[in-house]
Amino acid sequence: MAHVYFTRHGQTVWNVANKICGATDVELTQLGREQARGLGEAILAQGLQIDEILYSPLMRAKDTALEVSRITGIPAREEVRLMEQNFGKYEATARNGAEFQEMKKSFVNHFGGGETMLHLAQRIYNLLDDIREASQDKTFLLVAHNGIARVVHSYFHDMTNEEYAAFGIRNCEIREYFF
């Protein structure tokens, strides 16, 4: 059965500061680099058969993916559609801010200059459709962001608006999804 793996980048300096990263290019912490190494080692230890890594162009995901690639020998390439959602005026604000938490349930809002959830879903769903077509021959690891994790999960599983807004994964947690 065709499948895809997904992981979130390692810890960033803004994760530590409880800030929304969004489309802002934020670097990994030392722990984030260690998490990326640990992910690569876990992929090897579990014997996961991955043909290619696709990663977001933002440095936190790129650095995570390239470290995994270095450890595992799996080729990696940038996929611009995996870039995190632009959260507009909420970028660099508190991740747990009440207004932002409520706005994540509003799928057609531009977040004061950002990208709507519907536009984000369109580009991620299109990417997953493309991968599904290609996955007859290949298994991919997608290295991206928490906002992308929500959309990927919603592609494979029905979710309420509240479940969607609350969904998240840990840094360098790996998930497997079946088409």
N, C-alpha and C. Protein backbone atom coordinates (compact mmCIF):
# COMPACT_ATOMS: atom_id res chain seq x y z
N MET A 1 0.85 -1.18 0.00
CA MET A 1 0.00 0.00 0.00
C MET A 1 0.89 1.24 0.00
N ALA A 2 0.58 2.20 -0.85
CA ALA A 2 1.37 3.44 -0.96
C ALA A 2 1.21 4.27 0.31
N HIS A 3 2.33 4.84 0.74
CA HIS A 3 2.29 5.67 1.94
C HIS A 3 3.33 6.77 1.88
N VAL A 4 3.24 7.68 2.84
CA VAL A 4 4.15 8.81 2.96
C VAL A 4 4.44 9.00 4.45
N TYR A 5 5.63 9.44 4.75
CA TYR A 5 5.98 9.80 6.13
C TYR A 5 6.01 11.33 6.23
N PHE A 6 5.69 11.82 7.41
CA PHE A 6 5.75 13.26 7.67
C PHE A 6 6.46 13.48 9.00
N THR A 7 7.29 14.53 9.04
CA THR A 7 7.89 14.94 10.30
C THR A 7 7.94 16.46 10.36
N ARG A 8 7.95 16.95 11.56
CA ARG A 8 8.12 18.38 11.82
C ARG A 8 9.61 18.62 12.09
N HIS A 9 10.09 19.77 11.71
CA HIS A 9 11.48 20.17 11.94
C HIS A 9 11.84 20.10 13.42
N GLY A 10 13.14 20.19 13.70
CA GLY A 10 13.63 20.24 15.08
C GLY A 10 13.24 21.55 15.77
N GLN A 11 13.49 21.59 17.06
CA GLN A 11 13.15 22.75 17.87
C GLN A 11 13.85 24.02 17.35
N THR A 12 13.11 25.14 17.37
CA THR A 12 13.67 26.43 16.94
C THR A 12 13.79 27.38 18.12
N VAL A 13 14.50 28.48 17.88
CA VAL A 13 14.63 29.49 18.93
C VAL A 13 13.27 30.10 19.27
N TRP A 14 12.38 30.20 18.28
CA TRP A 14 11.05 30.74 18.56
C TRP A 14 10.13 29.70 19.21
N ASN A 15 10.37 28.40 19.00
CA ASN A 15 9.61 27.40 19.76
C ASN A 15 9.89 27.59 21.24
N VAL A 16 11.15 27.79 21.57
CA VAL A 16 11.56 28.00 22.97
C VAL A 16 10.91 29.26 23.54
N ALA A 17 10.83 30.31 22.72
CA ALA A 17 10.25 31.58 23.16
C ALA A 17 8.72 31.60 23.05
N ASN A 18 8.11 30.47 22.66
CA ASN A 18 6.65 30.36 22.51
C ASN A 18 6.10 31.34 21.48
N LYS A 19 6.84 31.56 20.40
CA LYS A 19 6.40 32.47 19.34
C LYS A 19 5.97 31.68 18.11
N ILE A 20 5.01 32.22 17.38
CA ILE A 20 4.57 31.65 16.11
C ILE A 20 5.64 31.94 15.07
N CYS A 21 6.16 30.89 14.45
CA CYS A 21 7.19 31.05 13.41
C CYS A 21 6.55 31.37 12.07
N GLY A 22 5.58 30.58 11.67
CA GLY A 22 4.94 30.79 10.37
C GLY A 22 5.94 30.80 9.24
N ALA A 23 5.81 31.77 8.34
CA ALA A 23 6.69 31.88 7.18
C ALA A 23 8.00 32.60 7.50
N THR A 24 8.17 33.04 8.75
CA THR A 24 9.41 33.68 9.16
C THR A 24 10.50 32.62 9.24
N ASP A 25 11.67 32.93 8.70
CA ASP A 25 12.77 31.96 8.66
C ASP A 25 13.52 32.00 9.98
N VAL A 26 13.32 30.97 10.79
CA VAL A 26 13.87 30.91 12.15
C VAL A 26 14.78 29.69 12.25
N GLU A 27 15.91 29.85 12.91
CA GLU A 27 16.90 28.78 12.98
C GLU A 27 16.61 27.76 14.09
N LEU A 28 17.22 26.59 13.93
CA LEU A 28 17.15 25.54 14.94
C LEU A 28 18.00 25.91 16.15
N THR A 29 17.60 25.38 17.30
CA THR A 29 18.44 25.44 18.49
C THR A 29 19.42 24.27 18.44
N GLN A 30 20.33 24.23 19.41
CA GLN A 30 21.22 23.08 19.51
C GLN A 30 20.40 21.80 19.71
N LEU A 31 19.37 21.87 20.56
CA LEU A 31 18.49 20.71 20.77
C LEU A 31 17.82 20.33 19.45
N GLY A 32 17.40 21.31 18.66
CA GLY A 32 16.77 21.03 17.37
C GLY A 32 17.70 20.27 16.43
N ARG A 33 18.98 20.64 16.44
CA ARG A 33 19.96 19.91 15.61
C ARG A 33 20.14 18.48 16.14
N GLU A 34 20.14 18.31 17.46
CA GLU A 34 20.25 16.98 18.05
C GLU A 34 19.01 16.14 17.72
N GLN A 35 17.84 16.77 17.72
CA GLN A 35 16.61 16.06 17.36
C GLN A 35 16.67 15.58 15.92
N ALA A 36 17.22 16.41 15.03
CA ALA A 36 17.35 16.01 13.62
C ALA A 36 18.28 14.81 13.50
N ARG A 37 19.39 14.83 14.22
CA ARG A 37 20.31 13.67 14.20
C ARG A 37 19.59 12.44 14.74
N GLY A 38 18.86 12.60 15.83
CA GLY A 38 18.12 11.49 16.41
C GLY A 38 17.08 10.93 15.46
N LEU A 39 16.44 11.79 14.70
CA LEU A 39 15.46 11.34 13.71
C LEU A 39 16.14 10.49 12.64
N GLY A 40 17.26 10.96 12.14
CA GLY A 40 18.00 10.19 11.14
C GLY A 40 18.41 8.83 11.68
N GLU A 41 18.90 8.80 12.90
CA GLU A 41 19.31 7.53 13.52
C GLU A 41 18.11 6.61 13.73
N ALA A 42 16.97 7.18 14.10
CA ALA A 42 15.75 6.38 14.32
C ALA A 42 15.26 5.77 13.00
N ILE A 43 15.35 6.52 11.92
CA ILE A 43 14.95 6.01 10.60
C ILE A 43 15.81 4.81 10.24
N LEU A 44 17.11 4.93 10.48
CA LEU A 44 18.01 3.80 10.21
C LEU A 44 17.69 2.61 11.12
N ALA A 45 17.53 2.88 12.41
CA ALA A 45 17.30 1.81 13.39
C ALA A 45 15.99 1.07 13.11
N GLN A 46 14.97 1.80 12.66
CA GLN A 46 13.67 1.18 12.38
C GLN A 46 13.63 0.56 10.99
N GLY A 47 14.65 0.79 10.20
CA GLY A 47 14.69 0.23 8.85
C GLY A 47 13.62 0.78 7.93
N LEU A 48 13.24 2.05 8.12
CA LEU A 48 12.21 2.64 7.27
C LEU A 48 12.74 2.77 5.85
N GLN A 49 11.95 2.31 4.92
CA GLN A 49 12.32 2.35 3.50
C GLN A 49 11.77 3.64 2.89
N ILE A 50 12.62 4.64 2.81
CA ILE A 50 12.26 5.95 2.27
C ILE A 50 13.14 6.21 1.06
N ASP A 51 12.52 6.57 -0.05
CA ASP A 51 13.27 6.81 -1.28
C ASP A 51 13.77 8.24 -1.43
N GLU A 52 13.00 9.19 -0.91
CA GLU A 52 13.38 10.59 -1.09
C GLU A 52 12.78 11.44 0.02
N ILE A 53 13.53 12.47 0.41
CA ILE A 53 13.07 13.45 1.39
C ILE A 53 12.70 14.72 0.63
N LEU A 54 11.51 15.23 0.90
CA LEU A 54 11.08 16.53 0.38
C LEU A 54 10.97 17.47 1.57
N TYR A 55 11.53 18.68 1.45
CA TYR A 55 11.54 19.58 2.60
C TYR A 55 11.15 21.00 2.22
N SER A 56 10.62 21.69 3.21
CA SER A 56 10.28 23.10 3.10
C SER A 56 11.55 23.92 2.91
N PRO A 57 11.46 25.03 2.16
CA PRO A 57 12.64 25.87 1.97
C PRO A 57 13.06 26.67 3.20
N LEU A 58 12.23 26.72 4.23
CA LEU A 58 12.61 27.46 5.43
C LEU A 58 13.74 26.73 6.16
N MET A 59 14.72 27.48 6.66
CA MET A 59 15.95 26.87 7.18
C MET A 59 15.73 25.84 8.28
N ARG A 60 14.72 25.99 9.10
CA ARG A 60 14.51 25.02 10.18
C ARG A 60 14.17 23.64 9.63
N ALA A 61 13.37 23.60 8.57
CA ALA A 61 13.02 22.32 7.94
C ALA A 61 14.16 21.83 7.05
N LYS A 62 14.76 22.74 6.31
CA LYS A 62 15.87 22.38 5.42
C LYS A 62 17.02 21.78 6.22
N ASP A 63 17.42 22.44 7.31
CA ASP A 63 18.53 21.94 8.13
C ASP A 63 18.20 20.58 8.74
N THR A 64 16.95 20.39 9.16
CA THR A 64 16.51 19.09 9.69
C THR A 64 16.62 18.03 8.61
N ALA A 65 16.07 18.32 7.44
CA ALA A 65 16.06 17.35 6.34
C ALA A 65 17.47 16.99 5.88
N LEU A 66 18.32 17.99 5.77
CA LEU A 66 19.67 17.71 5.28
C LEU A 66 20.48 16.91 6.29
N GLU A 67 20.20 17.10 7.57
CA GLU A 67 20.88 16.27 8.59
C GLU A 67 20.38 14.83 8.50
N VAL A 68 19.08 14.64 8.34
CA VAL A 68 18.53 13.29 8.18
C VAL A 68 19.12 12.64 6.93
N SER A 69 19.19 13.39 5.86
CA SER A 69 19.76 12.89 4.60
C SER A 69 21.22 12.49 4.79
N ARG A 70 21.99 13.31 5.48
CA ARG A 70 23.40 13.02 5.71
C ARG A 70 23.57 11.70 6.47
N ILE A 71 22.74 11.49 7.46
CA ILE A 71 22.85 10.29 8.31
C ILE A 71 22.35 9.05 7.57
N THR A 72 21.26 9.19 6.85
CA THR A 72 20.61 8.02 6.24
C THR A 72 21.06 7.74 4.81
N GLY A 73 21.59 8.74 4.14
CA GLY A 73 21.94 8.59 2.73
C GLY A 73 20.75 8.75 1.79
N ILE A 74 19.59 9.10 2.34
CA ILE A 74 18.39 9.31 1.52
C ILE A 74 18.52 10.65 0.81
N PRO A 75 18.35 10.68 -0.52
CA PRO A 75 18.44 11.96 -1.22
C PRO A 75 17.33 12.91 -0.77
N ALA A 76 17.66 14.21 -0.77
CA ALA A 76 16.70 15.22 -0.31
C ALA A 76 16.64 16.36 -1.32
N ARG A 77 15.43 16.91 -1.46
CA ARG A 77 15.28 18.08 -2.32
C ARG A 77 14.20 19.00 -1.77
N GLU A 78 14.37 20.26 -2.06
CA GLU A 78 13.43 21.28 -1.61
C GLU A 78 12.12 21.17 -2.36
N GLU A 79 11.02 21.36 -1.62
CA GLU A 79 9.68 21.40 -2.21
C GLU A 79 9.00 22.64 -1.64
N VAL A 80 8.88 23.67 -2.47
CA VAL A 80 8.38 24.97 -2.02
C VAL A 80 6.96 24.90 -1.46
N ARG A 81 6.16 23.94 -1.92
CA ARG A 81 4.78 23.84 -1.42
C ARG A 81 4.72 23.43 0.05
N LEU A 82 5.84 22.95 0.60
CA LEU A 82 5.87 22.56 2.03
C LEU A 82 6.17 23.73 2.96
N MET A 83 6.34 24.92 2.41
CA MET A 83 6.60 26.10 3.24
C MET A 83 5.45 26.30 4.22
N GLU A 84 5.79 26.72 5.42
CA GLU A 84 4.78 26.94 6.45
C GLU A 84 3.82 28.05 6.04
N GLN A 85 2.63 27.99 6.59
CA GLN A 85 1.62 29.01 6.36
C GLN A 85 2.12 30.36 6.85
N ASN A 86 1.81 31.41 6.11
CA ASN A 86 2.09 32.77 6.55
C ASN A 86 0.93 33.19 7.45
N PHE A 87 1.23 33.41 8.73
CA PHE A 87 0.19 33.77 9.69
C PHE A 87 0.02 35.28 9.84
N GLY A 88 0.54 36.05 8.89
CA GLY A 88 0.32 37.50 8.86
C GLY A 88 0.69 38.18 10.17
N LYS A 89 -0.25 38.94 10.70
CA LYS A 89 0.02 39.75 11.90
C LYS A 89 0.32 38.91 13.14
N TYR A 90 0.07 37.60 13.08
CA TYR A 90 0.31 36.75 14.25
C TYR A 90 1.74 36.20 14.31
N GLU A 91 2.51 36.34 13.24
CA GLU A 91 3.89 35.85 13.26
C GLU A 91 4.65 36.58 14.38
N ALA A 92 5.43 35.84 15.13
CA ALA A 92 6.25 36.34 16.25
C ALA A 92 5.42 36.66 17.50
N THR A 93 4.11 36.36 17.46
CA THR A 93 3.29 36.54 18.67
C THR A 93 3.20 35.21 19.41
N ALA A 94 2.59 35.22 20.58
CA ALA A 94 2.50 34.02 21.42
C ALA A 94 1.69 32.93 20.72
N ARG A 95 2.26 31.72 20.70
CA ARG A 95 1.59 30.57 20.08
C ARG A 95 0.26 30.26 20.74
N ASN A 96 0.16 30.49 22.02
CA ASN A 96 -1.05 30.15 22.75
C ASN A 96 -1.96 31.36 22.96
N GLY A 97 -1.75 32.45 22.21
CA GLY A 97 -2.61 33.62 22.32
C GLY A 97 -4.06 33.28 21.99
N ALA A 98 -4.97 33.76 22.81
CA ALA A 98 -6.39 33.42 22.66
C ALA A 98 -6.95 33.83 21.30
N GLU A 99 -6.59 35.02 20.83
CA GLU A 99 -7.10 35.49 19.54
C GLU A 99 -6.60 34.59 18.40
N PHE A 100 -5.32 34.24 18.43
CA PHE A 100 -4.77 33.37 17.39
C PHE A 100 -5.42 31.99 17.43
N GLN A 101 -5.61 31.43 18.61
CA GLN A 101 -6.23 30.11 18.73
C GLN A 101 -7.62 30.11 18.11
N GLU A 102 -8.34 31.19 18.30
CA GLU A 102 -9.68 31.29 17.73
C GLU A 102 -9.61 31.48 16.21
N MET A 103 -8.65 32.26 15.74
CA MET A 103 -8.52 32.52 14.30
C MET A 103 -8.14 31.26 13.52
N LYS A 104 -7.47 30.30 14.16
CA LYS A 104 -7.10 29.07 13.47
C LYS A 104 -8.32 28.25 13.05
N LYS A 105 -9.49 28.59 13.59
CA LYS A 105 -10.72 27.90 13.22
C LYS A 105 -11.42 28.59 12.05
N SER A 106 -10.87 29.70 11.59
CA SER A 106 -11.46 30.50 10.52
C SER A 106 -10.67 30.25 9.23
N PHE A 107 -11.22 29.47 8.33
CA PHE A 107 -10.47 28.96 7.20
C PHE A 107 -10.31 29.92 6.02
N VAL A 108 -11.06 31.03 6.02
CA VAL A 108 -10.94 31.97 4.90
C VAL A 108 -10.35 33.30 5.32
N ASN A 109 -9.78 33.40 6.50
CA ASN A 109 -9.18 34.62 7.02
C ASN A 109 -7.71 34.69 6.61
N HIS A 110 -7.27 35.86 6.19
CA HIS A 110 -5.87 36.06 5.79
C HIS A 110 -4.95 36.43 6.95
N PHE A 111 -5.43 36.40 8.19
CA PHE A 111 -4.60 36.70 9.36
C PHE A 111 -3.90 38.05 9.24
N GLY A 112 -4.57 39.04 8.67
CA GLY A 112 -3.96 40.36 8.55
C GLY A 112 -2.77 40.38 7.62
N GLY A 113 -2.92 39.80 6.42
CA GLY A 113 -1.86 39.82 5.44
C GLY A 113 -1.21 38.48 5.18
N GLY A 114 -1.70 37.44 5.79
CA GLY A 114 -1.12 36.11 5.61
C GLY A 114 -1.85 35.27 4.58
N GLU A 115 -1.79 33.98 4.78
CA GLU A 115 -2.37 33.00 3.85
C GLU A 115 -3.56 32.32 4.53
N THR A 116 -4.65 32.18 3.81
CA THR A 116 -5.81 31.52 4.39
C THR A 116 -5.55 30.02 4.55
N MET A 117 -6.28 29.41 5.46
CA MET A 117 -6.20 27.96 5.64
C MET A 117 -6.63 27.25 4.36
N LEU A 118 -7.61 27.79 3.64
CA LEU A 118 -8.07 27.16 2.41
C LEU A 118 -6.99 27.19 1.33
N HIS A 119 -6.29 28.31 1.20
CA HIS A 119 -5.19 28.38 0.24
C HIS A 119 -4.07 27.40 0.62
N LEU A 120 -3.76 27.34 1.91
CA LEU A 120 -2.76 26.40 2.40
C LEU A 120 -3.18 24.97 2.07
N ALA A 121 -4.43 24.63 2.38
CA ALA A 121 -4.92 23.28 2.11
C ALA A 121 -4.86 22.96 0.62
N GLN A 122 -5.16 23.93 -0.22
CA GLN A 122 -5.10 23.69 -1.66
C GLN A 122 -3.70 23.29 -2.09
N ARG A 123 -2.68 24.03 -1.64
CA ARG A 123 -1.33 23.70 -2.10
C ARG A 123 -0.82 22.40 -1.50
N ILE A 124 -1.17 22.10 -0.25
CA ILE A 124 -0.72 20.85 0.36
C ILE A 124 -1.49 19.66 -0.22
N TYR A 125 -2.79 19.80 -0.39
CA TYR A 125 -3.57 18.72 -1.00
C TYR A 125 -3.09 18.44 -2.42
N ASN A 126 -2.77 19.49 -3.20
CA ASN A 126 -2.24 19.30 -4.55
C ASN A 126 -0.91 18.55 -4.49
N LEU A 127 -0.06 18.91 -3.55
CA LEU A 127 1.22 18.21 -3.37
C LEU A 127 0.98 16.74 -3.03
N LEU A 128 0.08 16.48 -2.10
CA LEU A 128 -0.20 15.10 -1.71
C LEU A 128 -0.82 14.30 -2.86
N ASP A 129 -1.65 14.95 -3.66
CA ASP A 129 -2.17 14.27 -4.86
C ASP A 129 -1.03 13.91 -5.80
N ASP A 130 -0.09 14.83 -5.99
CA ASP A 130 1.07 14.55 -6.85
C ASP A 130 1.91 13.41 -6.28
N ILE A 131 2.10 13.41 -4.97
CA ILE A 131 2.89 12.35 -4.32
C ILE A 131 2.17 11.02 -4.45
N ARG A 132 0.85 11.02 -4.27
CA ARG A 132 0.07 9.79 -4.39
C ARG A 132 0.28 9.17 -5.77
N GLU A 133 0.30 10.01 -6.79
CA GLU A 133 0.54 9.53 -8.15
C GLU A 133 1.95 8.95 -8.29
N ALA A 134 2.93 9.61 -7.69
CA ALA A 134 4.33 9.17 -7.78
C ALA A 134 4.65 8.03 -6.82
N SER A 135 3.84 7.88 -5.78
CA SER A 135 4.18 6.93 -4.71
C SER A 135 3.97 5.48 -5.09
N GLN A 136 3.49 5.23 -6.29
CA GLN A 136 3.42 3.83 -6.74
C GLN A 136 4.82 3.24 -6.78
N ASP A 137 5.81 4.11 -7.01
CA ASP A 137 7.19 3.66 -7.11
C ASP A 137 8.07 4.14 -5.96
N LYS A 138 7.66 5.18 -5.24
CA LYS A 138 8.52 5.82 -4.25
C LYS A 138 7.79 6.08 -2.94
N THR A 139 8.56 6.07 -1.86
CA THR A 139 8.06 6.48 -0.56
C THR A 139 8.82 7.75 -0.17
N PHE A 140 8.07 8.77 0.24
CA PHE A 140 8.65 10.06 0.57
C PHE A 140 8.57 10.32 2.08
N LEU A 141 9.54 11.07 2.58
CA LEU A 141 9.49 11.69 3.90
C LEU A 141 9.35 13.18 3.66
N LEU A 142 8.29 13.76 4.18
CA LEU A 142 8.07 15.20 4.09
C LEU A 142 8.57 15.84 5.38
N VAL A 143 9.43 16.82 5.27
CA VAL A 143 9.96 17.54 6.43
C VAL A 143 9.44 18.97 6.35
N ALA A 144 8.57 19.32 7.29
CA ALA A 144 7.93 20.63 7.21
C ALA A 144 7.62 21.16 8.61
N HIS A 145 6.40 21.64 8.80
CA HIS A 145 6.06 22.46 9.95
C HIS A 145 4.75 21.99 10.58
N ASN A 146 4.46 22.52 11.77
CA ASN A 146 3.27 22.11 12.50
C ASN A 146 1.99 22.48 11.74
N GLY A 147 1.96 23.66 11.14
CA GLY A 147 0.78 24.04 10.34
C GLY A 147 0.57 23.10 9.17
N ILE A 148 1.66 22.66 8.57
CA ILE A 148 1.57 21.71 7.46
C ILE A 148 1.12 20.34 7.98
N ALA A 149 1.57 19.99 9.19
CA ALA A 149 1.16 18.71 9.80
C ALA A 149 -0.36 18.63 9.92
N ARG A 150 -1.00 19.75 10.30
CA ARG A 150 -2.46 19.78 10.42
C ARG A 150 -3.12 19.46 9.08
N VAL A 151 -2.62 20.10 8.02
CA VAL A 151 -3.23 19.91 6.71
C VAL A 151 -2.99 18.48 6.21
N VAL A 152 -1.78 17.99 6.37
CA VAL A 152 -1.48 16.61 5.95
C VAL A 152 -2.40 15.65 6.69
N HIS A 153 -2.54 15.82 8.00
CA HIS A 153 -3.40 14.93 8.78
C HIS A 153 -4.86 15.01 8.28
N SER A 154 -5.31 16.23 7.96
CA SER A 154 -6.69 16.39 7.50
C SER A 154 -6.92 15.78 6.12
N TYR A 155 -5.88 15.62 5.34
CA TYR A 155 -5.98 14.97 4.03
C TYR A 155 -6.35 13.49 4.21
N PHE A 156 -5.84 12.88 5.26
CA PHE A 156 -6.03 11.45 5.49
C PHE A 156 -7.14 11.13 6.51
N HIS A 157 -7.52 12.11 7.34
CA HIS A 157 -8.48 11.86 8.42
C HIS A 157 -9.48 13.03 8.52
N ASP A 158 -10.75 12.70 8.68
CA ASP A 158 -11.76 13.73 8.92
C ASP A 158 -11.49 14.37 10.28
N MET A 159 -11.69 15.69 10.34
CA MET A 159 -11.47 16.43 11.57
C MET A 159 -12.52 17.54 11.68
N THR A 160 -12.93 17.84 12.90
CA THR A 160 -13.77 19.03 13.10
C THR A 160 -12.86 20.26 13.05
N ASN A 161 -13.47 21.43 12.96
CA ASN A 161 -12.67 22.67 12.98
C ASN A 161 -11.85 22.76 14.26
N GLU A 162 -12.45 22.37 15.38
CA GLU A 162 -11.75 22.44 16.66
C GLU A 162 -10.59 21.45 16.71
N GLU A 163 -10.81 20.24 16.19
CA GLU A 163 -9.72 19.25 16.15
C GLU A 163 -8.59 19.73 15.25
N TYR A 164 -8.96 20.31 14.12
CA TYR A 164 -7.96 20.83 13.19
C TYR A 164 -7.12 21.91 13.87
N ALA A 165 -7.77 22.87 14.48
CA ALA A 165 -7.07 23.99 15.12
C ALA A 165 -6.16 23.52 16.26
N ALA A 166 -6.56 22.45 16.94
CA ALA A 166 -5.79 21.97 18.10
C ALA A 166 -4.70 20.96 17.71
N PHE A 167 -4.74 20.44 16.49
CA PHE A 167 -3.82 19.38 16.09
C PHE A 167 -2.38 19.89 16.01
N GLY A 168 -1.46 19.05 16.44
CA GLY A 168 -0.05 19.37 16.32
C GLY A 168 0.79 18.14 16.59
N ILE A 169 2.05 18.20 16.18
CA ILE A 169 2.99 17.12 16.47
C ILE A 169 4.25 17.72 17.08
N ARG A 170 5.00 16.89 17.78
CA ARG A 170 6.24 17.32 18.41
C ARG A 170 7.34 17.51 17.37
N ASN A 171 8.35 18.25 17.73
CA ASN A 171 9.52 18.41 16.86
C ASN A 171 10.14 17.05 16.58
N CYS A 172 10.37 16.77 15.31
CA CYS A 172 11.00 15.53 14.81
C CYS A 172 10.20 14.26 15.12
N GLU A 173 8.93 14.41 15.45
CA GLU A 173 8.04 13.25 15.54
C GLU A 173 7.75 12.80 14.12
N ILE A 174 7.73 11.50 13.89
CA ILE A 174 7.47 11.01 12.53
C ILE A 174 6.12 10.29 12.52
N ARG A 175 5.33 10.59 11.48
CA ARG A 175 4.02 9.97 11.29
C ARG A 175 4.00 9.28 9.94
N GLU A 176 3.25 8.21 9.86
CA GLU A 176 3.09 7.49 8.61
C GLU A 176 1.62 7.59 8.19
N TYR A 177 1.40 7.90 6.92
CA TYR A 177 0.06 8.00 6.37
C TYR A 177 -0.05 7.12 5.13
N PHE A 178 -1.20 6.46 5.00
CA PHE A 178 -1.44 5.55 3.88
C PHE A 178 -2.45 6.15 2.91
N PHE A 179 -2.14 6.09 1.63
CA PHE A 179 -3.07 6.58 0.59
C PHE A 179 -4.14 5.53 0.36
